[in-house]
């Protein structure tokens, strides 16, 4: 059994959000990761895919999630199961806080294998598959 104290939670920041890792293979877990996403108001994440399923539960705020060409509106209390290998983009007008769970390692990638213009330094490049710091 591992106990991860709040003071030991790892924080990672992107231009759109802050992720707080509660547990992961580098933080007490063997195969699972759990983290919190605090996405700033008026931001949009990059179009990307993950090679593992994720479960998002919205604790506060709201977001629109484009998933495989369909748009889903989510609000406080809603849970979204994002399947593996499906293109997604998250947009929020007011900001949100969500808790996310997934297997680890799981890797992010560009669905069309092309780095989008303006991609941040943490984003995968072209056909690269990248293990995000908050899932490691």
N, C-alpha and C. Protein backbone atom coordinates (compact mmCIF):
# COMPACT_ATOMS: atom_id res chain seq x y z
N UNK A 1 0.84 -1.18 0.00
CA UNK A 1 0.00 0.00 0.00
C UNK A 1 0.88 1.23 0.00
N UNK A 2 0.49 2.22 -0.80
CA UNK A 2 1.20 3.50 -0.84
C UNK A 2 0.28 4.60 -0.37
N UNK A 3 0.84 5.53 0.38
CA UNK A 3 0.11 6.73 0.78
C UNK A 3 0.83 7.91 0.15
N UNK A 4 0.12 8.68 -0.64
CA UNK A 4 0.69 9.87 -1.28
C UNK A 4 0.04 11.07 -0.62
N UNK A 5 0.81 11.82 0.12
CA UNK A 5 0.29 12.99 0.81
C UNK A 5 0.02 14.11 -0.17
N UNK A 6 -0.94 14.96 0.16
CA UNK A 6 -1.28 16.10 -0.70
C UNK A 6 -0.03 16.92 -1.03
N UNK A 7 0.84 17.08 -0.07
CA UNK A 7 2.05 17.86 -0.28
C UNK A 7 3.02 17.19 -1.26
N UNK A 8 2.82 15.89 -1.51
CA UNK A 8 3.68 15.15 -2.44
C UNK A 8 3.08 15.03 -3.84
N UNK A 9 1.87 15.54 -4.04
CA UNK A 9 1.25 15.49 -5.37
C UNK A 9 2.11 16.29 -6.35
N UNK A 10 2.32 15.73 -7.53
CA UNK A 10 3.18 16.38 -8.54
C UNK A 10 2.32 17.29 -9.41
N UNK A 11 2.82 18.47 -9.72
CA UNK A 11 2.09 19.42 -10.56
C UNK A 11 2.83 19.62 -11.88
N UNK A 12 2.05 19.61 -12.97
CA UNK A 12 2.57 19.85 -14.32
C UNK A 12 1.69 20.92 -14.95
N UNK A 13 2.30 21.82 -15.71
CA UNK A 13 1.53 22.90 -16.31
C UNK A 13 1.73 22.94 -17.82
N UNK A 14 0.63 23.19 -18.53
CA UNK A 14 0.65 23.44 -19.96
C UNK A 14 0.12 24.86 -20.17
N UNK A 15 0.11 25.37 -21.39
CA UNK A 15 -0.46 26.71 -21.60
C UNK A 15 -1.94 26.82 -21.24
N UNK A 16 -2.66 25.70 -21.18
CA UNK A 16 -4.11 25.72 -20.94
C UNK A 16 -4.55 25.26 -19.56
N UNK A 17 -3.72 24.49 -18.88
CA UNK A 17 -4.19 23.84 -17.66
C UNK A 17 -3.04 23.47 -16.73
N UNK A 18 -3.44 23.16 -15.49
CA UNK A 18 -2.50 22.59 -14.53
C UNK A 18 -3.01 21.21 -14.17
N UNK A 19 -2.13 20.23 -14.20
CA UNK A 19 -2.46 18.87 -13.83
C UNK A 19 -1.76 18.55 -12.51
N UNK A 20 -2.51 17.96 -11.58
CA UNK A 20 -1.96 17.54 -10.30
C UNK A 20 -2.07 16.02 -10.23
N UNK A 21 -0.93 15.35 -10.22
CA UNK A 21 -0.91 13.88 -10.19
C UNK A 21 -1.03 13.40 -8.75
N UNK A 22 -2.08 12.60 -8.50
CA UNK A 22 -2.30 12.04 -7.17
C UNK A 22 -1.61 10.68 -7.03
N UNK A 23 -1.64 9.88 -8.09
CA UNK A 23 -0.99 8.57 -8.09
C UNK A 23 -0.64 8.21 -9.53
N UNK A 24 0.49 7.53 -9.70
CA UNK A 24 0.94 7.07 -11.01
C UNK A 24 2.08 6.09 -10.77
N UNK A 25 2.60 5.44 -11.82
CA UNK A 25 3.71 4.51 -11.61
C UNK A 25 4.96 5.14 -10.98
N UNK A 26 5.16 6.43 -11.14
CA UNK A 26 6.29 7.07 -10.46
C UNK A 26 5.88 7.64 -9.11
N UNK A 27 4.62 7.42 -8.73
CA UNK A 27 4.10 7.92 -7.46
C UNK A 27 3.21 6.88 -6.79
N UNK A 28 3.72 5.68 -6.57
CA UNK A 28 3.04 4.70 -5.73
C UNK A 28 2.15 3.68 -6.39
N UNK A 29 1.75 3.86 -7.65
CA UNK A 29 0.85 2.92 -8.32
C UNK A 29 1.64 2.03 -9.29
N UNK A 30 1.17 0.83 -9.51
CA UNK A 30 1.84 -0.07 -10.45
C UNK A 30 1.41 0.17 -11.89
N UNK A 31 0.11 0.37 -12.13
CA UNK A 31 -0.38 0.42 -13.51
C UNK A 31 -1.44 1.47 -13.77
N UNK A 32 -1.81 2.25 -12.76
CA UNK A 32 -2.87 3.24 -12.93
C UNK A 32 -2.35 4.64 -12.63
N UNK A 33 -3.02 5.63 -13.23
CA UNK A 33 -2.72 7.03 -12.91
C UNK A 33 -4.03 7.73 -12.61
N UNK A 34 -3.97 8.66 -11.66
CA UNK A 34 -5.12 9.48 -11.33
C UNK A 34 -4.60 10.90 -11.12
N UNK A 35 -5.25 11.85 -11.80
CA UNK A 35 -4.80 13.23 -11.69
C UNK A 35 -5.99 14.17 -11.79
N UNK A 36 -5.75 15.42 -11.40
CA UNK A 36 -6.76 16.46 -11.48
C UNK A 36 -6.34 17.44 -12.57
N UNK A 37 -7.31 17.86 -13.36
CA UNK A 37 -7.09 18.87 -14.39
C UNK A 37 -7.82 20.14 -13.97
N UNK A 38 -7.09 21.24 -13.91
CA UNK A 38 -7.68 22.56 -13.69
C UNK A 38 -7.43 23.35 -14.96
N UNK A 39 -8.45 23.43 -15.82
CA UNK A 39 -8.30 24.11 -17.11
C UNK A 39 -8.83 25.53 -16.99
N UNK A 40 -8.02 26.47 -17.46
CA UNK A 40 -8.34 27.89 -17.36
C UNK A 40 -9.48 28.28 -18.30
N UNK A 41 -10.25 29.27 -17.87
CA UNK A 41 -11.37 29.80 -18.66
C UNK A 41 -10.87 30.32 -20.01
N UNK A 42 -11.70 30.11 -21.03
CA UNK A 42 -11.40 30.63 -22.36
C UNK A 42 -10.26 29.93 -23.07
N UNK A 43 -10.02 28.66 -22.74
CA UNK A 43 -8.92 27.93 -23.38
C UNK A 43 -9.43 26.70 -24.11
N UNK A 44 -8.54 26.18 -24.95
CA UNK A 44 -8.84 24.99 -25.74
C UNK A 44 -7.60 24.12 -25.78
N UNK A 45 -7.76 22.85 -25.51
CA UNK A 45 -6.64 21.92 -25.62
C UNK A 45 -6.39 21.56 -27.07
N UNK A 46 -5.27 20.93 -27.33
CA UNK A 46 -4.95 20.54 -28.70
C UNK A 46 -5.77 19.32 -29.15
N UNK A 47 -5.98 19.21 -30.45
CA UNK A 47 -6.56 17.99 -31.00
C UNK A 47 -5.50 16.90 -30.83
N UNK A 48 -5.87 15.81 -30.17
CA UNK A 48 -4.93 14.72 -29.94
C UNK A 48 -5.70 13.44 -29.67
N UNK A 49 -4.97 12.35 -29.52
CA UNK A 49 -5.55 11.07 -29.14
C UNK A 49 -4.66 10.45 -28.07
N UNK A 50 -5.22 9.52 -27.32
CA UNK A 50 -4.47 8.77 -26.32
C UNK A 50 -4.59 7.29 -26.66
N UNK A 51 -3.55 6.52 -26.36
CA UNK A 51 -3.60 5.10 -26.70
C UNK A 51 -4.22 4.24 -25.60
N UNK A 52 -4.86 4.88 -24.62
CA UNK A 52 -5.57 4.16 -23.56
C UNK A 52 -6.85 4.90 -23.20
N UNK A 53 -7.82 4.18 -22.72
CA UNK A 53 -9.08 4.77 -22.27
C UNK A 53 -8.82 5.68 -21.07
N UNK A 54 -9.61 6.76 -20.97
CA UNK A 54 -9.57 7.65 -19.82
C UNK A 54 -10.99 7.88 -19.33
N UNK A 55 -11.13 8.10 -18.02
CA UNK A 55 -12.42 8.45 -17.42
C UNK A 55 -12.26 9.81 -16.75
N UNK A 56 -13.08 10.77 -17.19
CA UNK A 56 -13.06 12.15 -16.66
C UNK A 56 -14.34 12.40 -15.89
N UNK A 57 -14.23 12.88 -14.64
CA UNK A 57 -15.38 13.32 -13.85
C UNK A 57 -15.20 14.79 -13.53
N UNK A 58 -16.19 15.59 -13.94
CA UNK A 58 -16.13 17.05 -13.76
C UNK A 58 -16.61 17.42 -12.37
N UNK A 59 -15.72 18.03 -11.59
CA UNK A 59 -16.03 18.43 -10.22
C UNK A 59 -16.59 19.84 -10.15
N UNK A 60 -16.21 20.68 -11.12
CA UNK A 60 -16.64 22.08 -11.12
C UNK A 60 -16.47 22.63 -12.53
N UNK A 61 -17.37 23.51 -12.94
CA UNK A 61 -17.26 24.15 -14.24
C UNK A 61 -17.87 23.32 -15.35
N UNK A 62 -17.49 23.67 -16.59
CA UNK A 62 -18.06 22.98 -17.75
C UNK A 62 -17.08 23.00 -18.91
N UNK A 63 -17.33 22.13 -19.88
CA UNK A 63 -16.48 22.03 -21.06
C UNK A 63 -17.26 21.42 -22.21
N UNK A 64 -16.76 21.67 -23.41
CA UNK A 64 -17.26 21.00 -24.61
C UNK A 64 -16.14 20.07 -25.07
N UNK A 65 -16.50 18.83 -25.32
CA UNK A 65 -15.51 17.84 -25.76
C UNK A 65 -15.89 17.37 -27.15
N UNK A 66 -14.99 17.60 -28.10
CA UNK A 66 -15.15 17.05 -29.45
C UNK A 66 -14.51 15.67 -29.42
N UNK A 67 -15.28 14.66 -29.74
CA UNK A 67 -14.80 13.29 -29.70
C UNK A 67 -15.23 12.59 -30.97
N UNK A 68 -14.26 12.25 -31.80
CA UNK A 68 -14.54 11.57 -33.07
C UNK A 68 -15.59 12.31 -33.89
N UNK A 69 -15.49 13.64 -33.92
CA UNK A 69 -16.40 14.44 -34.74
C UNK A 69 -17.71 14.81 -34.07
N UNK A 70 -18.00 14.29 -32.88
CA UNK A 70 -19.22 14.63 -32.15
C UNK A 70 -18.87 15.56 -30.99
N UNK A 71 -19.78 16.51 -30.69
CA UNK A 71 -19.55 17.44 -29.60
C UNK A 71 -20.42 17.05 -28.40
N UNK A 72 -19.78 17.02 -27.22
CA UNK A 72 -20.46 16.66 -25.98
C UNK A 72 -20.27 17.80 -24.98
N UNK A 73 -21.38 18.29 -24.41
CA UNK A 73 -21.33 19.34 -23.39
C UNK A 73 -21.32 18.67 -22.01
N UNK A 74 -20.35 19.05 -21.19
CA UNK A 74 -20.23 18.45 -19.86
C UNK A 74 -20.23 19.52 -18.79
N UNK A 75 -20.81 19.20 -17.64
CA UNK A 75 -20.91 20.14 -16.53
C UNK A 75 -20.61 19.42 -15.22
N UNK A 76 -20.59 20.17 -14.15
CA UNK A 76 -20.31 19.63 -12.82
C UNK A 76 -21.12 18.35 -12.57
N UNK A 77 -20.42 17.31 -12.14
CA UNK A 77 -21.05 16.03 -11.83
C UNK A 77 -21.10 15.04 -12.97
N UNK A 78 -20.84 15.50 -14.20
CA UNK A 78 -20.86 14.60 -15.36
C UNK A 78 -19.56 13.80 -15.46
N UNK A 79 -19.67 12.59 -15.99
CA UNK A 79 -18.51 11.74 -16.23
C UNK A 79 -18.49 11.36 -17.70
N UNK A 80 -17.31 11.41 -18.28
CA UNK A 80 -17.11 11.08 -19.69
C UNK A 80 -16.06 9.98 -19.80
N UNK A 81 -16.40 8.91 -20.52
CA UNK A 81 -15.43 7.85 -20.80
C UNK A 81 -14.90 8.10 -22.20
N UNK A 82 -13.61 8.40 -22.27
CA UNK A 82 -12.97 8.67 -23.56
C UNK A 82 -12.27 7.40 -24.03
N UNK A 83 -12.70 6.83 -25.15
CA UNK A 83 -12.07 5.59 -25.63
C UNK A 83 -10.66 5.83 -26.15
N UNK A 84 -9.88 4.79 -26.14
CA UNK A 84 -8.52 4.87 -26.68
C UNK A 84 -8.56 5.12 -28.18
N UNK A 85 -7.50 5.75 -28.67
CA UNK A 85 -7.28 5.93 -30.11
C UNK A 85 -8.41 6.67 -30.81
N UNK A 86 -8.98 7.66 -30.13
CA UNK A 86 -10.05 8.47 -30.70
C UNK A 86 -9.66 9.94 -30.58
N UNK A 87 -9.71 10.67 -31.70
CA UNK A 87 -9.35 12.09 -31.70
C UNK A 87 -10.28 12.87 -30.77
N UNK A 88 -9.69 13.80 -30.00
CA UNK A 88 -10.44 14.58 -29.03
C UNK A 88 -9.88 15.98 -28.90
N UNK A 89 -10.74 16.91 -28.49
CA UNK A 89 -10.32 18.28 -28.16
C UNK A 89 -11.28 18.78 -27.09
N UNK A 90 -10.73 19.42 -26.07
CA UNK A 90 -11.54 19.95 -24.97
C UNK A 90 -11.45 21.47 -24.99
N UNK A 91 -12.62 22.11 -24.91
CA UNK A 91 -12.73 23.57 -24.91
C UNK A 91 -13.55 23.98 -23.70
N UNK A 92 -13.17 25.08 -23.06
CA UNK A 92 -13.96 25.58 -21.93
C UNK A 92 -14.07 27.09 -21.96
N UNK A 93 -15.26 27.59 -21.75
CA UNK A 93 -15.48 29.03 -21.67
C UNK A 93 -15.25 29.51 -20.24
N UNK A 94 -15.75 28.76 -19.26
CA UNK A 94 -15.70 29.21 -17.87
C UNK A 94 -14.58 28.57 -17.06
N UNK A 95 -13.91 27.55 -17.61
CA UNK A 95 -12.90 26.80 -16.86
C UNK A 95 -13.56 25.62 -16.17
N UNK A 96 -12.75 24.66 -15.74
CA UNK A 96 -13.28 23.49 -15.03
C UNK A 96 -12.20 22.82 -14.22
N UNK A 97 -12.66 21.99 -13.29
CA UNK A 97 -11.81 21.07 -12.54
C UNK A 97 -12.38 19.69 -12.75
N UNK A 98 -11.53 18.75 -13.15
CA UNK A 98 -11.95 17.36 -13.35
C UNK A 98 -10.91 16.43 -12.76
N UNK A 99 -11.36 15.25 -12.34
CA UNK A 99 -10.45 14.19 -11.93
C UNK A 99 -10.47 13.15 -13.03
N UNK A 100 -9.27 12.67 -13.39
CA UNK A 100 -9.11 11.75 -14.51
C UNK A 100 -8.39 10.48 -14.04
N UNK A 101 -8.82 9.34 -14.57
CA UNK A 101 -8.17 8.07 -14.28
C UNK A 101 -7.88 7.36 -15.60
N UNK A 102 -6.73 6.66 -15.62
CA UNK A 102 -6.33 5.93 -16.82
C UNK A 102 -5.28 4.90 -16.43
N UNK A 103 -5.07 3.96 -17.32
CA UNK A 103 -3.92 3.08 -17.14
C UNK A 103 -2.66 3.87 -17.46
N UNK A 104 -1.55 3.39 -16.96
CA UNK A 104 -0.27 4.02 -17.25
C UNK A 104 0.77 2.93 -17.42
N UNK A 105 1.62 3.06 -18.42
CA UNK A 105 1.75 4.23 -19.28
C UNK A 105 0.64 4.31 -20.32
N UNK A 106 0.29 5.54 -20.66
CA UNK A 106 -0.57 5.80 -21.82
C UNK A 106 0.02 7.01 -22.53
N UNK A 107 -0.01 6.96 -23.84
CA UNK A 107 0.70 7.97 -24.62
C UNK A 107 -0.22 8.81 -25.49
N UNK A 108 0.12 10.10 -25.56
CA UNK A 108 -0.59 11.06 -26.41
C UNK A 108 0.06 11.07 -27.78
N UNK A 109 -0.77 11.31 -28.81
CA UNK A 109 -0.23 11.42 -30.16
C UNK A 109 -1.15 12.26 -31.04
N UNK A 110 -0.60 12.72 -32.15
CA UNK A 110 -1.36 13.48 -33.15
C UNK A 110 -2.08 12.48 -34.05
N UNK A 111 -3.41 12.56 -34.12
CA UNK A 111 -4.16 11.58 -34.90
C UNK A 111 -3.77 11.52 -36.37
N UNK A 112 -3.34 12.65 -36.93
CA UNK A 112 -2.93 12.65 -38.35
C UNK A 112 -1.41 12.63 -38.51
N UNK A 113 -0.67 12.44 -37.40
CA UNK A 113 0.79 12.35 -37.39
C UNK A 113 1.47 13.64 -37.85
N UNK A 114 0.78 14.77 -37.72
CA UNK A 114 1.35 16.08 -38.07
C UNK A 114 1.23 16.99 -36.86
N UNK A 115 2.33 17.61 -36.46
CA UNK A 115 2.31 18.53 -35.33
C UNK A 115 1.51 19.77 -35.71
N UNK A 116 0.47 20.09 -34.92
CA UNK A 116 -0.33 21.28 -35.23
C UNK A 116 0.49 22.56 -35.05
N UNK A 117 0.20 23.56 -35.85
CA UNK A 117 0.86 24.85 -35.71
C UNK A 117 0.55 25.41 -34.33
N UNK A 118 1.56 25.95 -33.67
CA UNK A 118 1.38 26.54 -32.35
C UNK A 118 1.36 25.53 -31.21
N UNK A 119 1.70 24.27 -31.47
CA UNK A 119 1.71 23.25 -30.41
C UNK A 119 2.75 23.62 -29.36
N UNK A 120 2.41 23.43 -28.09
CA UNK A 120 3.34 23.78 -27.02
C UNK A 120 4.49 22.78 -26.98
N UNK A 121 5.51 23.10 -26.23
CA UNK A 121 6.71 22.27 -26.15
C UNK A 121 6.45 20.89 -25.57
N UNK A 122 5.36 20.72 -24.82
CA UNK A 122 5.04 19.42 -24.21
C UNK A 122 4.27 18.49 -25.15
N UNK A 123 3.81 19.01 -26.28
CA UNK A 123 3.00 18.22 -27.22
C UNK A 123 3.87 17.26 -28.03
N UNK A 124 3.31 16.10 -28.40
CA UNK A 124 4.06 15.19 -29.26
C UNK A 124 4.31 15.81 -30.63
N UNK A 125 5.40 15.44 -31.25
CA UNK A 125 5.77 15.94 -32.56
C UNK A 125 5.48 14.88 -33.62
N UNK A 126 4.78 15.30 -34.67
CA UNK A 126 4.45 14.45 -35.81
C UNK A 126 3.94 13.08 -35.34
N UNK A 127 4.61 11.98 -35.70
CA UNK A 127 4.11 10.64 -35.36
C UNK A 127 4.59 10.15 -33.99
N UNK A 128 5.27 11.01 -33.24
CA UNK A 128 5.76 10.64 -31.91
C UNK A 128 4.59 10.31 -30.97
N UNK A 129 4.82 9.36 -30.09
CA UNK A 129 3.88 9.04 -29.01
C UNK A 129 4.58 9.40 -27.71
N UNK A 130 3.93 10.22 -26.91
CA UNK A 130 4.56 10.84 -25.76
C UNK A 130 3.81 10.50 -24.48
N UNK A 131 4.53 10.09 -23.45
CA UNK A 131 3.95 9.84 -22.14
C UNK A 131 3.90 11.14 -21.37
N UNK A 132 2.69 11.73 -21.16
CA UNK A 132 2.62 12.99 -20.42
C UNK A 132 3.13 12.84 -18.99
N UNK A 133 3.78 13.88 -18.49
CA UNK A 133 4.37 13.85 -17.15
C UNK A 133 3.36 13.51 -16.08
N UNK A 134 2.11 13.97 -16.23
CA UNK A 134 1.10 13.73 -15.19
C UNK A 134 0.58 12.30 -15.18
N UNK A 135 0.90 11.51 -16.20
CA UNK A 135 0.48 10.10 -16.25
C UNK A 135 1.64 9.16 -15.90
N UNK A 136 2.86 9.65 -16.01
CA UNK A 136 4.06 8.81 -15.78
C UNK A 136 4.19 8.36 -14.34
